């Protein structure tokens, strides 16, 4: 029972820290310029990292809470058709957390490839499919505009996660390996 309680507390803390980082990084972005309202966003890598370490519940909650709060605080309104795709992305990446072995210190080349294949597919589902369809259904946005935005969001998120998300997972995994080896030496 104590281990289950520790895990729940750990999940809640991870969600709080992850959502806070997601919100804080909302304005850290590089506009792509050729498609409106789409930018290269560091927060995508943070979401992918937290989902890879803490699993689907944390990934979903961080995407949902972080994006909704970020929109509300920095833009004055919540764009739900982009909040839900971030939540779904976090859920999908988190479903494979055990396979990545980040927490266990085993994030090697096979796990790196798996992580990036999963994030590629999750990004495609979230941004090429879900966000544009929700934009059309909820906000009656023109399809040519939202599918262009969705494709660019997919591509920019994939790249930032490929680079920064992979580095975060690899670095954290190496720290976990060292801390595990220090414990066995004591």
Protein backbone atom coordinates (compact mmCIF):
# COMPACT_ATOMS: atom_id res chain seq x y z
CA UNK A 1 0.00 0.00 0.00
CA UNK A 2 2.84 2.38 0.80
CA UNK A 3 4.34 1.95 -2.68
CA UNK A 4 0.98 2.66 -4.33
CA UNK A 5 0.54 5.77 -2.20
CA UNK A 6 4.07 6.94 -3.04
CA UNK A 7 3.33 6.44 -6.74
CA UNK A 8 0.12 8.50 -6.53
CA UNK A 9 1.95 11.30 -4.72
CA UNK A 10 4.74 11.12 -7.30
CA UNK A 11 2.19 11.37 -10.14
CA UNK A 12 0.48 14.39 -8.56
CA UNK A 13 3.82 16.14 -8.03
CA UNK A 14 4.90 15.34 -11.60
CA UNK A 15 1.60 16.72 -12.95
CA UNK A 16 2.01 19.91 -10.91
CA UNK A 17 5.62 20.49 -11.93
CA UNK A 18 5.01 19.47 -15.55
CA UNK A 19 1.95 21.70 -15.91
CA UNK A 20 3.77 24.62 -14.29
CA UNK A 21 6.73 24.20 -16.68
CA UNK A 22 4.35 23.89 -19.62
CA UNK A 23 2.61 27.14 -18.64
CA UNK A 24 5.92 28.93 -17.99
CA UNK A 25 7.21 27.89 -21.41
CA UNK A 26 4.05 28.98 -23.24
CA UNK A 27 5.66 32.21 -24.42
CA UNK A 28 9.00 30.58 -25.28
CA UNK A 29 8.45 30.03 -28.97
CA UNK A 30 9.89 30.77 -32.38
CA UNK A 31 7.20 31.71 -34.92
CA UNK A 32 7.48 29.86 -38.21
CA UNK A 33 6.21 32.92 -40.06
CA UNK A 34 4.52 31.36 -43.06
CA UNK A 35 1.51 29.92 -41.17
CA UNK A 36 -0.36 32.07 -38.61
CA UNK A 37 -0.56 31.07 -34.94
CA UNK A 38 2.01 28.24 -35.19
CA UNK A 39 5.48 28.28 -33.67
CA UNK A 40 8.34 26.04 -32.61
CA UNK A 41 7.54 25.48 -28.93
CA UNK A 42 9.89 24.14 -26.27
CA UNK A 43 6.92 23.13 -24.11
CA UNK A 44 6.17 20.26 -26.53
CA UNK A 45 9.48 18.63 -25.56
CA UNK A 46 8.73 19.09 -21.86
CA UNK A 47 5.33 17.44 -22.29
CA UNK A 48 6.83 14.50 -24.19
CA UNK A 49 9.56 14.08 -21.57
CA UNK A 50 7.14 14.08 -18.62
CA UNK A 51 4.83 11.65 -20.43
CA UNK A 52 7.77 9.36 -21.21
CA UNK A 53 8.87 9.32 -17.56
CA UNK A 54 5.58 9.45 -15.64
CA UNK A 55 3.13 7.76 -18.02
CA UNK A 56 -0.22 8.41 -19.68
CA UNK A 57 -2.16 9.95 -16.77
CA UNK A 58 0.56 12.53 -16.15
CA UNK A 59 1.00 13.16 -19.88
CA UNK A 60 -2.73 13.72 -20.39
CA UNK A 61 -3.10 15.94 -17.31
CA UNK A 62 -0.02 18.04 -18.07
CA UNK A 63 -1.15 18.59 -21.66
CA UNK A 64 -4.69 19.50 -20.60
CA UNK A 65 -3.94 21.64 -17.55
CA UNK A 66 -0.74 23.21 -18.89
CA UNK A 67 -2.18 24.19 -22.25
CA UNK A 68 -5.49 25.47 -20.81
CA UNK A 69 -3.77 27.56 -18.13
CA UNK A 70 -1.16 28.83 -20.60
CA UNK A 71 -3.87 29.95 -23.02
CA UNK A 72 -5.91 31.58 -20.25
CA UNK A 73 -2.97 33.42 -18.68
CA UNK A 74 -1.13 34.55 -21.79
CA UNK A 75 -3.82 34.83 -24.46
CA UNK A 76 -6.97 35.60 -22.47
CA UNK A 77 -9.02 32.65 -23.72
CA UNK A 78 -8.66 28.91 -24.02
CA UNK A 79 -8.49 27.41 -27.50
CA UNK A 80 -9.95 23.97 -26.66
CA UNK A 81 -9.36 22.54 -30.12
CA UNK A 82 -5.62 22.76 -29.39
CA UNK A 83 -5.78 21.94 -25.67
CA UNK A 84 -7.30 18.50 -26.22
CA UNK A 85 -4.73 17.47 -28.85
CA UNK A 86 -1.91 18.28 -26.40
CA UNK A 87 -3.66 16.14 -23.77
CA UNK A 88 -4.12 13.29 -26.25
CA UNK A 89 -0.49 13.61 -27.34
CA UNK A 90 0.66 13.33 -23.71
CA UNK A 91 -1.59 10.31 -23.18
CA UNK A 92 -0.31 8.52 -26.30
CA UNK A 93 3.37 9.11 -25.55
CA UNK A 94 2.80 8.12 -21.93
CA UNK A 95 1.19 4.80 -22.86
CA UNK A 96 4.64 3.54 -23.81
CA UNK A 97 6.57 4.95 -20.82
CA UNK A 98 7.70 1.50 -19.62
CA UNK A 99 9.12 0.72 -23.07
CA UNK A 100 11.33 3.83 -23.03
CA UNK A 101 12.89 2.79 -19.67
CA UNK A 102 13.84 6.40 -18.92
CA UNK A 103 13.08 6.08 -15.21
CA UNK A 104 15.05 2.84 -14.97
CA UNK A 105 18.14 4.38 -16.58
CA UNK A 106 17.83 2.25 -19.70
CA UNK A 107 17.11 4.87 -22.37
CA UNK A 108 19.42 3.54 -25.10
CA UNK A 109 19.32 3.67 -28.88
CA UNK A 110 16.36 1.26 -29.22
CA UNK A 111 14.35 3.24 -26.68
CA UNK A 112 15.32 6.51 -28.38
CA UNK A 113 14.05 5.19 -31.71
CA UNK A 114 10.86 3.86 -30.10
CA UNK A 115 10.23 7.14 -28.28
CA UNK A 116 10.59 9.11 -31.50
CA UNK A 117 8.42 6.74 -33.53
CA UNK A 118 5.69 7.01 -30.90
CA UNK A 119 5.96 10.80 -30.71
CA UNK A 120 5.83 10.99 -34.51
CA UNK A 121 2.57 9.02 -34.63
CA UNK A 122 1.13 10.80 -31.56
CA UNK A 123 1.95 14.20 -33.09
CA UNK A 124 0.30 13.18 -36.36
CA UNK A 125 -2.87 12.06 -34.57
CA UNK A 126 -2.96 15.19 -32.39
CA UNK A 127 -2.07 17.87 -34.93
CA UNK A 128 -2.77 16.56 -38.44
CA UNK A 129 -6.07 14.95 -37.48
CA UNK A 130 -7.54 15.99 -34.12
CA UNK A 131 -6.72 19.73 -33.90
CA UNK A 132 -7.95 20.64 -37.41
CA UNK A 133 -11.14 18.60 -37.05
CA UNK A 134 -11.88 20.19 -33.66
CA UNK A 135 -11.12 23.66 -35.10
CA UNK A 136 -13.71 23.05 -37.80
CA UNK A 137 -16.31 21.51 -35.47
CA UNK A 138 -15.94 23.89 -32.50
CA UNK A 139 -14.89 27.20 -34.06
CA UNK A 140 -16.08 26.80 -37.67
CA UNK A 141 -12.57 27.59 -38.94
CA UNK A 142 -11.81 27.16 -42.67
CA UNK A 143 -10.42 23.70 -43.39
CA UNK A 144 -7.52 24.81 -45.62
CA UNK A 145 -6.21 27.11 -42.84
CA UNK A 146 -6.52 24.63 -39.97
CA UNK A 147 -5.04 21.67 -41.83
CA UNK A 148 -2.04 23.84 -42.81
CA UNK A 149 -1.65 24.92 -39.17
CA UNK A 150 -2.01 21.34 -37.98
CA UNK A 151 0.62 20.02 -40.38
CA UNK A 152 3.12 22.74 -39.41
CA UNK A 153 2.41 22.15 -35.68
CA UNK A 154 3.02 18.42 -36.28
CA UNK A 155 6.33 19.07 -38.03
CA UNK A 156 7.64 21.65 -35.54
CA UNK A 157 6.63 19.57 -32.52
CA UNK A 158 8.25 16.49 -34.01
CA UNK A 159 11.54 18.34 -34.56
CA UNK A 160 11.70 20.00 -31.13
CA UNK A 161 10.86 16.70 -29.40
CA UNK A 162 13.29 14.77 -31.57
CA UNK A 163 16.08 17.07 -30.42
CA UNK A 164 15.21 18.48 -27.01
CA UNK A 165 12.82 15.76 -25.81
CA UNK A 166 15.34 13.05 -26.69
CA UNK A 167 18.12 14.95 -24.91
CA UNK A 168 15.98 15.42 -21.80
CA UNK A 169 15.07 11.71 -21.70
CA UNK A 170 18.66 10.59 -22.34
CA UNK A 171 20.13 12.97 -19.73
CA UNK A 172 17.56 12.06 -17.08
CA UNK A 173 18.09 8.37 -17.78
CA UNK A 174 21.85 8.76 -17.32
CA UNK A 175 21.29 10.59 -14.02
CA UNK A 176 19.01 7.75 -12.88
CA UNK A 177 21.72 5.23 -13.86
CA UNK A 178 24.35 7.07 -11.83
CA UNK A 179 22.08 7.53 -8.82
CA UNK A 180 21.20 3.82 -8.97
CA UNK A 181 24.87 2.82 -9.08
CA UNK A 182 25.67 5.16 -6.17
CA UNK A 183 22.99 3.49 -4.05
CA UNK A 184 24.45 0.03 -4.68
CA UNK A 185 27.93 1.19 -3.70
CA UNK A 186 26.82 2.58 -0.32
